[in-house]
N, C-alpha and C. Protein backbone atom coordinates (compact mmCIF):
# COMPACT_ATOMS: atom_id res chain seq x y z
N MET A 1 6.98 6.78 -18.80
CA MET A 1 6.73 6.46 -17.45
C MET A 1 7.20 4.97 -17.20
N ASN A 2 7.64 4.61 -16.15
CA ASN A 2 8.01 3.22 -15.97
C ASN A 2 6.94 2.70 -15.67
N LEU A 3 6.98 1.32 -16.06
CA LEU A 3 5.52 0.60 -15.72
C LEU A 3 6.14 -0.96 -15.15
N PHE A 4 5.69 -1.33 -14.01
CA PHE A 4 6.09 -2.72 -13.33
C PHE A 4 4.93 -3.18 -12.48
N VAL A 5 5.13 -4.51 -12.24
CA VAL A 5 4.20 -5.36 -11.43
C VAL A 5 4.96 -5.52 -10.27
N ALA A 6 4.26 -5.31 -9.03
CA ALA A 6 5.11 -5.44 -7.87
C ALA A 6 4.09 -5.94 -6.76
N THR A 7 4.44 -6.06 -5.50
CA THR A 7 3.84 -6.77 -4.51
C THR A 7 4.45 -5.83 -3.13
N PHE A 8 3.96 -5.17 -2.45
CA PHE A 8 4.20 -4.11 -1.50
C PHE A 8 4.16 -4.68 -0.17
N PRO A 9 5.26 -5.23 0.53
CA PRO A 9 5.33 -5.85 1.81
C PRO A 9 4.65 -4.68 2.75
N ASP A 10 4.09 -5.56 4.06
CA ASP A 10 3.51 -4.69 5.09
C ASP A 10 4.39 -4.71 6.63
N PHE A 11 5.60 -4.99 6.29
CA PHE A 11 6.38 -5.17 7.33
C PHE A 11 7.55 -4.07 7.77
N ALA A 12 7.32 -2.75 7.81
CA ALA A 12 7.92 -1.68 8.12
C ALA A 12 8.73 -1.68 9.26
N GLY A 13 7.92 -2.24 10.37
CA GLY A 13 8.67 -2.31 11.89
C GLY A 13 10.10 -3.37 11.72
N PRO A 14 9.89 -4.43 11.21
CA PRO A 14 11.06 -5.41 11.04
C PRO A 14 11.91 -4.72 10.12
N ILE A 15 11.64 -4.42 9.24
CA ILE A 15 13.00 -3.81 8.28
C ILE A 15 13.52 -2.78 8.83
N SER A 16 12.82 -1.93 9.61
CA SER A 16 13.75 -0.88 10.43
C SER A 16 14.35 -1.47 11.48
N GLU A 17 14.13 -2.58 11.94
CA GLU A 17 14.88 -2.95 12.98
C GLU A 17 15.98 -3.61 12.48
N ALA A 18 15.80 -4.43 11.15
CA ALA A 18 16.85 -5.33 10.53
C ALA A 18 17.88 -3.97 10.06
N LEU A 19 17.37 -2.64 9.37
CA LEU A 19 18.50 -1.79 9.25
C LEU A 19 19.49 -1.38 10.18
N SER A 20 18.68 -1.19 11.69
CA SER A 20 19.52 -0.69 12.74
C SER A 20 20.50 -2.13 13.11
N SER A 21 20.12 -3.21 12.95
CA SER A 21 20.97 -4.46 13.23
C SER A 21 22.33 -4.31 12.52
N VAL A 22 22.15 -3.95 11.20
CA VAL A 22 23.33 -3.62 10.41
C VAL A 22 24.01 -2.55 10.16
N GLY A 23 23.70 -1.57 11.30
CA GLY A 23 24.18 -0.52 11.41
C GLY A 23 24.01 0.81 10.13
N MET A 24 22.92 0.62 9.74
CA MET A 24 22.16 1.37 8.47
C MET A 24 21.34 2.55 8.89
N SER A 25 20.84 2.55 10.00
CA SER A 25 19.82 3.54 10.47
C SER A 25 20.30 4.89 10.48
N ASP A 26 21.57 5.03 10.82
CA ASP A 26 22.25 6.53 10.84
C ASP A 26 23.26 6.62 9.53
N GLN A 27 22.62 6.40 8.36
CA GLN A 27 23.59 6.49 7.17
C GLN A 27 22.97 7.30 6.21
N LYS A 28 22.10 8.27 6.44
CA LYS A 28 21.34 9.03 5.79
C LYS A 28 22.43 9.87 4.80
N ASP A 29 23.63 10.46 5.24
CA ASP A 29 24.47 10.94 4.48
C ASP A 29 25.07 10.38 3.33
N ARG A 30 25.01 8.99 3.47
CA ARG A 30 25.71 8.22 2.40
C ARG A 30 24.59 7.64 1.54
N PHE A 31 23.35 7.49 2.19
CA PHE A 31 22.58 6.55 1.24
C PHE A 31 21.09 7.65 1.34
N ARG A 32 20.25 7.26 0.20
CA ARG A 32 19.00 7.87 0.09
C ARG A 32 18.02 6.70 0.31
N PHE A 33 17.50 6.59 1.40
CA PHE A 33 16.66 5.69 1.79
C PHE A 33 15.17 5.74 1.22
N ILE A 34 14.55 4.87 0.71
CA ILE A 34 13.34 4.83 0.22
C ILE A 34 12.32 4.98 1.45
N ARG A 35 11.34 5.56 1.25
CA ARG A 35 10.09 5.71 2.21
C ARG A 35 9.54 4.45 2.11
N PRO A 36 9.07 4.04 3.37
CA PRO A 36 8.48 2.47 3.66
C PRO A 36 7.19 2.47 2.74
N GLU A 37 6.34 3.49 2.58
CA GLU A 37 5.22 2.90 1.67
C GLU A 37 5.74 2.87 0.15
N LYS A 38 6.95 3.14 -0.19
CA LYS A 38 7.33 2.90 -1.50
C LYS A 38 8.06 1.70 -1.46
N ARG A 39 8.44 1.09 -0.54
CA ARG A 39 9.42 -0.20 -0.96
C ARG A 39 8.27 -1.19 -1.27
N HIS A 40 8.86 -2.02 -2.32
CA HIS A 40 8.06 -3.09 -3.05
C HIS A 40 9.11 -4.17 -3.56
N ILE A 41 8.52 -5.17 -3.97
CA ILE A 41 9.39 -6.24 -4.65
C ILE A 41 8.86 -6.20 -6.13
N THR A 42 9.69 -5.84 -6.98
CA THR A 42 9.19 -6.00 -8.33
C THR A 42 9.20 -7.24 -8.88
N VAL A 43 7.91 -7.62 -9.41
CA VAL A 43 7.74 -9.40 -9.85
C VAL A 43 7.95 -9.21 -11.32
N LEU A 44 7.73 -8.10 -12.20
CA LEU A 44 8.05 -7.77 -13.65
C LEU A 44 8.31 -6.51 -13.97
N PHE A 45 9.27 -6.11 -14.54
CA PHE A 45 9.60 -4.71 -15.02
C PHE A 45 9.06 -4.74 -16.15
N ILE A 46 8.12 -4.03 -16.66
CA ILE A 46 7.69 -4.04 -18.02
C ILE A 46 8.13 -2.95 -19.14
N GLY A 47 8.81 -1.85 -18.47
CA GLY A 47 9.49 -1.01 -19.09
C GLY A 47 8.99 0.38 -19.11
N ASP A 48 9.59 1.31 -19.85
CA ASP A 48 9.23 2.67 -20.25
C ASP A 48 8.00 2.88 -21.19
N HIS A 49 6.91 3.34 -20.96
CA HIS A 49 5.92 3.45 -21.94
C HIS A 49 5.35 4.75 -21.68
N ASP A 50 4.38 4.81 -22.78
CA ASP A 50 3.41 5.96 -22.91
C ASP A 50 2.35 5.79 -22.26
N GLU A 51 1.51 6.87 -22.05
CA GLU A 51 -0.06 6.97 -21.33
C GLU A 51 -0.94 5.62 -22.10
N LEU A 52 -1.14 5.78 -23.37
CA LEU A 52 -1.88 4.97 -23.79
C LEU A 52 -1.51 3.40 -23.92
N THR A 53 -0.17 3.08 -23.85
CA THR A 53 0.21 1.97 -23.50
C THR A 53 0.17 1.47 -22.28
N CYS A 54 0.02 2.41 -21.12
CA CYS A 54 -0.04 1.91 -19.64
C CYS A 54 -1.55 1.50 -19.63
N THR A 55 -2.28 2.30 -20.29
CA THR A 55 -3.83 1.77 -20.26
C THR A 55 -4.21 0.60 -20.89
N ARG A 56 -3.38 0.45 -21.85
CA ARG A 56 -3.67 -1.06 -22.36
C ARG A 56 -3.06 -2.04 -21.58
N ALA A 57 -1.98 -1.84 -20.87
CA ALA A 57 -1.54 -2.81 -20.11
C ALA A 57 -2.44 -2.91 -18.63
N ARG A 58 -3.26 -1.98 -18.44
CA ARG A 58 -4.17 -1.98 -17.16
C ARG A 58 -5.10 -3.24 -17.66
N GLU A 59 -5.49 -2.99 -19.01
CA GLU A 59 -6.70 -4.02 -19.21
C GLU A 59 -5.91 -5.33 -19.35
N VAL A 60 -4.95 -5.74 -19.87
CA VAL A 60 -4.16 -6.67 -19.94
C VAL A 60 -3.95 -7.56 -18.37
N PHE A 61 -3.44 -6.51 -17.63
CA PHE A 61 -3.40 -7.15 -16.33
C PHE A 61 -4.52 -7.69 -15.45
N LEU A 62 -5.69 -6.76 -15.69
CA LEU A 62 -6.99 -7.21 -15.31
C LEU A 62 -7.55 -8.41 -15.81
N SER A 63 -7.19 -8.85 -17.03
CA SER A 63 -7.95 -9.93 -17.67
C SER A 63 -7.02 -11.34 -17.16
N TRP A 64 -6.09 -11.02 -16.52
CA TRP A 64 -5.44 -12.16 -15.69
C TRP A 64 -5.77 -12.70 -14.65
N ARG A 65 -5.63 -13.88 -14.33
CA ARG A 65 -6.13 -14.70 -13.30
C ARG A 65 -4.97 -15.68 -12.52
N PRO A 66 -4.60 -15.09 -11.46
CA PRO A 66 -3.31 -15.87 -10.94
C PRO A 66 -3.42 -17.09 -10.73
N PRO A 67 -2.33 -17.90 -10.66
CA PRO A 67 -2.91 -19.66 -10.10
C PRO A 67 -3.20 -19.54 -8.68
N LEU A 68 -4.01 -20.54 -8.18
CA LEU A 68 -4.50 -20.49 -6.80
C LEU A 68 -3.21 -21.23 -5.99
N SER A 69 -2.87 -20.14 -5.01
CA SER A 69 -1.73 -20.63 -4.20
C SER A 69 -2.10 -20.48 -2.69
N THR A 70 -1.48 -20.97 -1.84
CA THR A 70 -1.41 -21.13 -0.30
C THR A 70 -0.64 -19.72 0.09
N PRO A 71 -0.89 -19.27 1.04
CA PRO A 71 0.16 -18.38 1.71
C PRO A 71 1.63 -18.84 1.91
N SER A 72 1.69 -20.10 2.32
CA SER A 72 2.94 -20.69 2.52
C SER A 72 3.68 -20.69 1.27
N GLU A 73 2.83 -21.09 -0.08
CA GLU A 73 3.52 -21.00 -1.33
C GLU A 73 3.96 -19.76 -1.82
N LEU A 74 3.75 -18.58 -1.19
CA LEU A 74 3.84 -17.29 -1.74
C LEU A 74 4.75 -16.31 -0.85
N THR A 75 5.41 -17.16 0.35
CA THR A 75 6.25 -16.63 1.31
C THR A 75 7.72 -16.33 0.67
N ILE A 76 7.98 -15.04 0.73
CA ILE A 76 9.03 -14.60 0.31
C ILE A 76 10.29 -14.49 1.65
N ARG A 77 11.27 -14.87 1.49
CA ARG A 77 12.32 -14.82 2.84
C ARG A 77 13.56 -14.30 2.29
N TYR A 78 13.98 -13.23 3.05
CA TYR A 78 14.96 -12.51 2.86
C TYR A 78 15.99 -12.84 3.95
N ASP A 79 17.25 -13.25 3.99
CA ASP A 79 18.17 -13.51 4.89
C ASP A 79 19.38 -12.90 4.67
N ARG A 80 19.59 -11.96 3.59
CA ARG A 80 20.75 -11.14 3.53
C ARG A 80 20.58 -9.84 3.31
N PHE A 81 21.56 -9.06 3.50
CA PHE A 81 21.46 -7.42 3.35
C PHE A 81 22.74 -7.03 2.67
N GLY A 82 22.71 -6.14 1.85
CA GLY A 82 23.81 -5.54 1.08
C GLY A 82 23.65 -5.14 -0.29
N PRO A 83 24.86 -4.91 -0.94
CA PRO A 83 24.55 -4.32 -2.36
C PRO A 83 23.79 -5.25 -3.27
N PHE A 84 23.19 -4.78 -3.94
CA PHE A 84 22.35 -5.72 -5.00
C PHE A 84 22.41 -5.33 -6.32
N PRO A 85 22.37 -5.99 -7.22
CA PRO A 85 22.90 -7.70 -7.13
C PRO A 85 24.11 -7.76 -6.64
N PRO A 86 24.30 -9.01 -5.96
CA PRO A 86 25.71 -8.96 -5.38
C PRO A 86 26.78 -9.52 -6.25
N SER A 87 27.07 -8.43 -7.11
CA SER A 87 28.14 -8.53 -7.89
C SER A 87 28.78 -7.01 -8.07
N ARG A 88 29.84 -7.18 -8.92
CA ARG A 88 30.40 -5.61 -9.03
C ARG A 88 29.50 -4.77 -9.78
N ARG A 89 28.33 -5.05 -10.30
CA ARG A 89 27.21 -4.40 -10.81
C ARG A 89 26.38 -3.88 -10.10
N SER A 90 26.36 -3.83 -8.69
CA SER A 90 25.52 -3.56 -7.67
C SER A 90 24.97 -2.10 -7.93
N ARG A 91 23.64 -2.00 -7.67
CA ARG A 91 23.28 -0.33 -7.88
C ARG A 91 22.34 0.34 -6.81
N VAL A 92 22.07 -0.82 -5.80
CA VAL A 92 21.18 -0.57 -4.63
C VAL A 92 21.69 -1.31 -3.38
N LEU A 93 21.22 -0.98 -2.28
CA LEU A 93 21.06 -1.65 -1.01
C LEU A 93 19.83 -2.45 -0.93
N ALA A 94 19.91 -3.69 -0.66
CA ALA A 94 18.63 -4.48 -0.51
C ALA A 94 18.59 -5.34 0.45
N PHE A 95 17.34 -6.08 0.52
CA PHE A 95 17.49 -7.39 1.30
C PHE A 95 17.15 -8.27 0.33
N TYR A 96 17.60 -9.60 0.48
CA TYR A 96 17.35 -10.75 -0.56
C TYR A 96 17.82 -12.02 -0.05
N GLY A 97 17.39 -13.06 -0.60
CA GLY A 97 17.60 -14.14 -0.25
C GLY A 97 18.59 -15.02 -0.92
N THR A 98 19.09 -15.89 0.04
CA THR A 98 19.98 -16.76 -0.67
C THR A 98 19.60 -17.97 -1.35
N SER A 99 18.34 -18.29 -1.20
CA SER A 99 17.96 -19.35 -2.01
C SER A 99 16.74 -18.87 -3.16
N GLU A 100 16.55 -19.77 -3.89
CA GLU A 100 15.58 -19.51 -5.00
C GLU A 100 14.20 -18.92 -4.62
N PRO A 101 13.45 -18.31 -5.50
CA PRO A 101 12.14 -17.78 -4.82
C PRO A 101 11.20 -18.92 -4.92
N PRO A 102 9.98 -18.65 -4.04
CA PRO A 102 9.20 -19.60 -3.94
C PRO A 102 8.55 -20.13 -5.36
N PRO A 103 8.61 -21.50 -5.72
CA PRO A 103 7.90 -22.07 -6.95
C PRO A 103 6.61 -21.37 -7.37
N ALA A 104 5.83 -21.01 -6.68
CA ALA A 104 4.52 -20.41 -6.85
C ALA A 104 4.63 -19.00 -7.63
N LEU A 105 5.63 -18.33 -6.78
CA LEU A 105 6.29 -16.84 -7.31
C LEU A 105 6.69 -16.87 -8.58
N LEU A 106 7.56 -17.92 -8.91
CA LEU A 106 8.23 -18.02 -10.14
C LEU A 106 7.30 -18.44 -11.28
N LEU A 107 6.27 -19.13 -11.00
CA LEU A 107 5.26 -19.53 -12.01
C LEU A 107 4.44 -18.06 -12.01
N ILE A 108 4.33 -17.16 -11.11
CA ILE A 108 3.52 -16.05 -11.47
C ILE A 108 4.25 -15.13 -12.46
N HIS A 109 5.91 -14.89 -12.00
CA HIS A 109 6.63 -14.42 -12.99
C HIS A 109 6.54 -14.59 -14.23
N HIS A 110 6.53 -15.84 -14.59
CA HIS A 110 6.67 -16.57 -15.79
C HIS A 110 5.45 -15.94 -16.66
N GLN A 111 4.12 -16.29 -15.98
CA GLN A 111 2.73 -16.00 -16.41
C GLN A 111 2.81 -14.56 -16.91
N LEU A 112 3.40 -13.77 -15.98
CA LEU A 112 3.42 -12.67 -16.17
C LEU A 112 4.08 -11.92 -17.51
N THR A 113 5.43 -12.70 -17.52
CA THR A 113 6.32 -12.32 -18.80
C THR A 113 5.69 -12.68 -19.91
N ASP A 114 4.94 -13.79 -20.10
CA ASP A 114 4.14 -14.34 -21.37
C ASP A 114 3.02 -13.41 -21.57
N LEU A 115 2.27 -12.87 -20.47
CA LEU A 115 0.94 -12.07 -20.67
C LEU A 115 1.51 -10.64 -21.38
N PHE A 116 2.55 -10.11 -20.64
CA PHE A 116 3.02 -8.79 -21.12
C PHE A 116 4.03 -8.82 -22.34
N ALA A 117 4.24 -9.92 -22.87
CA ALA A 117 5.30 -10.11 -23.99
C ALA A 117 4.97 -9.03 -25.24
N PRO A 118 3.81 -8.69 -25.44
CA PRO A 118 3.57 -7.53 -26.77
C PRO A 118 4.03 -6.18 -26.03
N PHE A 119 4.52 -5.88 -24.69
CA PHE A 119 5.16 -4.81 -24.21
C PHE A 119 6.68 -4.86 -24.09
N SER A 120 7.07 -5.84 -24.33
CA SER A 120 8.64 -6.14 -24.47
C SER A 120 9.25 -6.10 -22.85
N PRO A 121 8.67 -6.72 -21.89
CA PRO A 121 9.16 -6.83 -20.57
C PRO A 121 10.71 -7.10 -20.21
N ASP A 122 11.26 -6.91 -19.30
CA ASP A 122 12.40 -7.28 -19.06
C ASP A 122 12.62 -8.68 -18.72
N ARG A 123 13.31 -9.50 -19.48
CA ARG A 123 13.56 -10.85 -19.44
C ARG A 123 14.81 -11.38 -18.54
N ARG A 124 15.41 -10.71 -17.83
CA ARG A 124 16.62 -11.01 -17.20
C ARG A 124 15.86 -12.07 -15.92
N ARG A 125 16.87 -12.92 -15.33
CA ARG A 125 16.60 -13.63 -14.70
C ARG A 125 15.90 -13.02 -13.25
N PHE A 126 14.56 -13.38 -12.80
CA PHE A 126 14.07 -13.15 -11.86
C PHE A 126 14.79 -13.38 -10.38
N GLN A 127 15.04 -12.03 -9.82
CA GLN A 127 15.71 -12.29 -8.30
C GLN A 127 15.08 -11.33 -7.55
N PRO A 128 13.94 -11.64 -6.73
CA PRO A 128 13.22 -10.69 -5.81
C PRO A 128 14.11 -10.26 -5.05
N HIS A 129 13.88 -9.09 -4.70
CA HIS A 129 14.72 -8.35 -3.72
C HIS A 129 13.84 -7.06 -3.09
N LEU A 130 14.46 -6.45 -2.04
CA LEU A 130 13.58 -5.45 -1.48
C LEU A 130 14.58 -4.34 -1.41
N THR A 131 14.51 -3.22 -2.38
CA THR A 131 15.47 -2.14 -2.48
C THR A 131 15.06 -1.42 -1.18
N VAL A 132 15.96 -0.75 -0.38
CA VAL A 132 15.73 0.05 0.88
C VAL A 132 16.60 1.23 0.70
N ALA A 133 17.48 1.46 -0.30
CA ALA A 133 18.33 2.47 -0.25
C ALA A 133 19.19 2.48 -1.59
N TYR A 134 19.65 3.89 -1.99
CA TYR A 134 20.28 4.07 -3.33
C TYR A 134 21.37 4.83 -2.68
N PRO A 135 22.78 4.60 -3.27
CA PRO A 135 24.02 5.11 -2.83
C PRO A 135 23.72 6.72 -3.17
N ARG A 136 24.42 7.48 -2.35
CA ARG A 136 24.65 8.74 -3.16
C ARG A 136 25.98 8.92 -3.66
N SER A 137 26.86 7.69 -3.79
CA SER A 137 27.97 7.85 -4.71
C SER A 137 28.35 6.35 -4.75
N ARG A 138 29.10 6.17 -5.93
CA ARG A 138 29.10 4.63 -6.16
C ARG A 138 30.35 4.15 -5.40
N THR A 139 31.18 4.79 -5.02
CA THR A 139 31.99 4.13 -3.90
C THR A 139 31.36 3.86 -2.70
N THR A 140 30.55 4.74 -2.25
CA THR A 140 30.07 4.29 -0.88
C THR A 140 29.29 2.86 -0.93
N LEU A 141 28.93 2.43 -1.94
CA LEU A 141 28.17 1.06 -1.99
C LEU A 141 29.42 0.15 -2.27
N ARG A 142 30.42 0.35 -2.72
CA ARG A 142 31.40 -0.77 -2.51
C ARG A 142 32.07 -1.15 -1.11
N GLU A 143 31.82 -0.09 -0.44
CA GLU A 143 32.26 -0.05 0.96
C GLU A 143 31.41 -0.94 1.81
N VAL A 144 30.44 -1.46 1.36
CA VAL A 144 29.26 -2.09 2.23
C VAL A 144 29.35 -3.55 1.85
N GLN A 145 29.44 -4.32 3.09
CA GLN A 145 29.67 -5.72 2.70
C GLN A 145 28.45 -6.56 2.84
N PRO A 146 28.22 -7.78 2.03
CA PRO A 146 26.80 -8.47 2.34
C PRO A 146 27.11 -8.81 3.74
N VAL A 147 25.54 -9.06 4.46
CA VAL A 147 25.85 -9.66 5.72
C VAL A 147 24.73 -10.43 5.89
N PRO A 148 24.72 -11.40 6.68
CA PRO A 148 23.24 -12.09 6.87
C PRO A 148 22.40 -11.52 7.82
N VAL A 149 21.11 -11.63 7.87
CA VAL A 149 20.23 -10.70 8.87
C VAL A 149 19.21 -11.97 9.31
N THR A 150 18.72 -11.56 10.31
CA THR A 150 17.44 -12.33 11.19
C THR A 150 16.48 -12.35 9.95
N PRO A 151 16.08 -13.60 9.29
CA PRO A 151 15.13 -13.51 8.44
C PRO A 151 13.93 -12.83 8.42
N LEU A 152 13.68 -11.95 7.27
CA LEU A 152 12.51 -11.38 7.05
C LEU A 152 11.50 -12.00 6.32
N GLU A 153 10.32 -12.44 6.47
CA GLU A 153 9.54 -13.01 5.70
C GLU A 153 8.14 -12.31 5.50
N PHE A 154 7.71 -12.45 4.18
CA PHE A 154 6.63 -11.59 3.86
C PHE A 154 5.76 -12.58 2.75
N VAL A 155 4.49 -12.63 3.00
CA VAL A 155 3.62 -13.43 2.25
C VAL A 155 2.96 -12.15 1.04
N ALA A 156 3.21 -12.84 -0.05
CA ALA A 156 2.79 -11.61 -1.44
C ALA A 156 1.23 -12.38 -1.51
N SER A 157 0.55 -11.09 -1.09
CA SER A 157 -0.99 -11.39 -1.10
C SER A 157 -1.92 -10.76 -2.19
N GLU A 158 -1.05 -9.76 -2.77
CA GLU A 158 -1.68 -8.83 -4.07
C GLU A 158 -0.72 -8.62 -4.90
N LEU A 159 -0.67 -8.39 -6.19
CA LEU A 159 0.16 -7.93 -7.09
C LEU A 159 -0.52 -6.54 -7.50
N SER A 160 0.29 -5.52 -7.91
CA SER A 160 -0.27 -3.96 -8.48
C SER A 160 0.55 -3.81 -9.58
N LEU A 161 -0.19 -3.38 -10.50
CA LEU A 161 0.50 -2.77 -11.82
C LEU A 161 0.68 -1.22 -11.43
N VAL A 162 2.01 -0.73 -11.36
CA VAL A 162 2.46 0.67 -10.87
C VAL A 162 3.09 1.35 -12.14
N VAL A 163 2.73 2.33 -12.03
CA VAL A 163 3.33 3.65 -12.90
C VAL A 163 4.22 4.34 -12.12
N THR A 164 5.61 4.71 -12.67
CA THR A 164 6.12 5.54 -11.98
C THR A 164 6.54 6.73 -12.81
N ARG A 165 6.46 8.10 -11.88
CA ARG A 165 6.91 9.11 -12.95
C ARG A 165 7.87 10.02 -11.97
N THR A 166 8.71 10.40 -12.62
CA THR A 166 9.89 11.33 -11.81
C THR A 166 9.70 12.70 -11.87
N ASP A 167 9.93 13.37 -10.79
CA ASP A 167 9.92 14.61 -10.66
C ASP A 167 10.93 15.40 -9.86
N ALA A 168 11.05 16.63 -9.62
CA ALA A 168 12.11 17.26 -8.87
C ALA A 168 12.06 16.43 -7.33
N GLN A 169 10.93 16.16 -6.85
CA GLN A 169 10.88 15.60 -5.47
C GLN A 169 11.04 14.08 -5.41
N GLY A 170 11.45 13.45 -6.66
CA GLY A 170 11.57 12.14 -6.65
C GLY A 170 10.53 11.19 -7.58
N SER A 171 10.31 9.92 -7.22
CA SER A 171 9.47 9.16 -7.83
C SER A 171 8.19 9.19 -7.23
N LEU A 172 7.11 9.34 -8.27
CA LEU A 172 5.76 9.21 -7.72
C LEU A 172 5.09 7.93 -8.25
N TYR A 173 4.56 7.32 -7.17
CA TYR A 173 4.01 5.73 -7.67
C TYR A 173 2.57 5.99 -7.90
N GLU A 174 2.06 5.24 -8.68
CA GLU A 174 0.55 5.47 -9.08
C GLU A 174 0.31 4.01 -9.22
N ILE A 175 -0.46 3.39 -8.49
CA ILE A 175 -1.22 2.05 -8.52
C ILE A 175 -2.32 1.98 -9.63
N ARG A 176 -2.26 1.50 -10.78
CA ARG A 176 -3.24 1.41 -11.65
C ARG A 176 -4.37 0.40 -11.57
N ALA A 177 -3.72 -0.62 -10.93
CA ALA A 177 -4.82 -1.97 -10.70
C ALA A 177 -4.03 -2.68 -10.04
N SER A 178 -4.78 -3.70 -9.06
CA SER A 178 -4.49 -4.91 -8.01
C SER A 178 -5.34 -5.93 -8.54
N VAL A 179 -4.58 -7.19 -8.14
CA VAL A 179 -5.07 -8.21 -8.32
C VAL A 179 -4.62 -9.15 -7.04
N SER A 180 -5.75 -9.59 -6.42
CA SER A 180 -5.19 -10.52 -5.25
C SER A 180 -4.87 -11.99 -5.43
N LEU A 181 -3.79 -12.64 -4.80
CA LEU A 181 -3.27 -13.58 -4.83
C LEU A 181 -3.85 -14.79 -4.00
N ARG A 182 -4.97 -14.36 -3.18
CA ARG A 182 -5.51 -15.19 -2.23
C ARG A 182 -6.63 -15.95 -2.71
N ARG A 183 -6.62 -17.26 -2.13
CA ARG A 183 -7.83 -18.21 -2.58
C ARG A 183 -9.19 -17.45 -2.43
């Protein structure tokens, strides 16, 4: 089971409008789009773990107290759309920003990385993005060029510890715990 900490944006309408503006709303034959309720921003990927470890991770997560932040300090802004990460190794279509994430979100990411150190979390550079689709073939993704979009803003108000399982119907998300980021 994959285990990660994420925030779930609540702006399905603006995302749909942005997808239409870049000509993606009619591309279901080329891309597998993520259902709106599953769209999330991963703050920390913890890895593939068994049930017992996921239970321990929940206890650890619930012991954490986030730093006090105002909504403006936790505003994530996306102004680009295209293959992500924006390199030859792109794997998904996503909205992402051209600037650094908000400092408060970086602090939270670092705290969570330290908190979950015994679970061997992913230590790659934190690049918040909102995945919206997976290509049905590798060449399809190479055909898409990154484009600027009308900025999408989202205030991270809650973090959730999520377990995913995969079956014949796709990924099943189970939120094991949530922590508010509001004062």
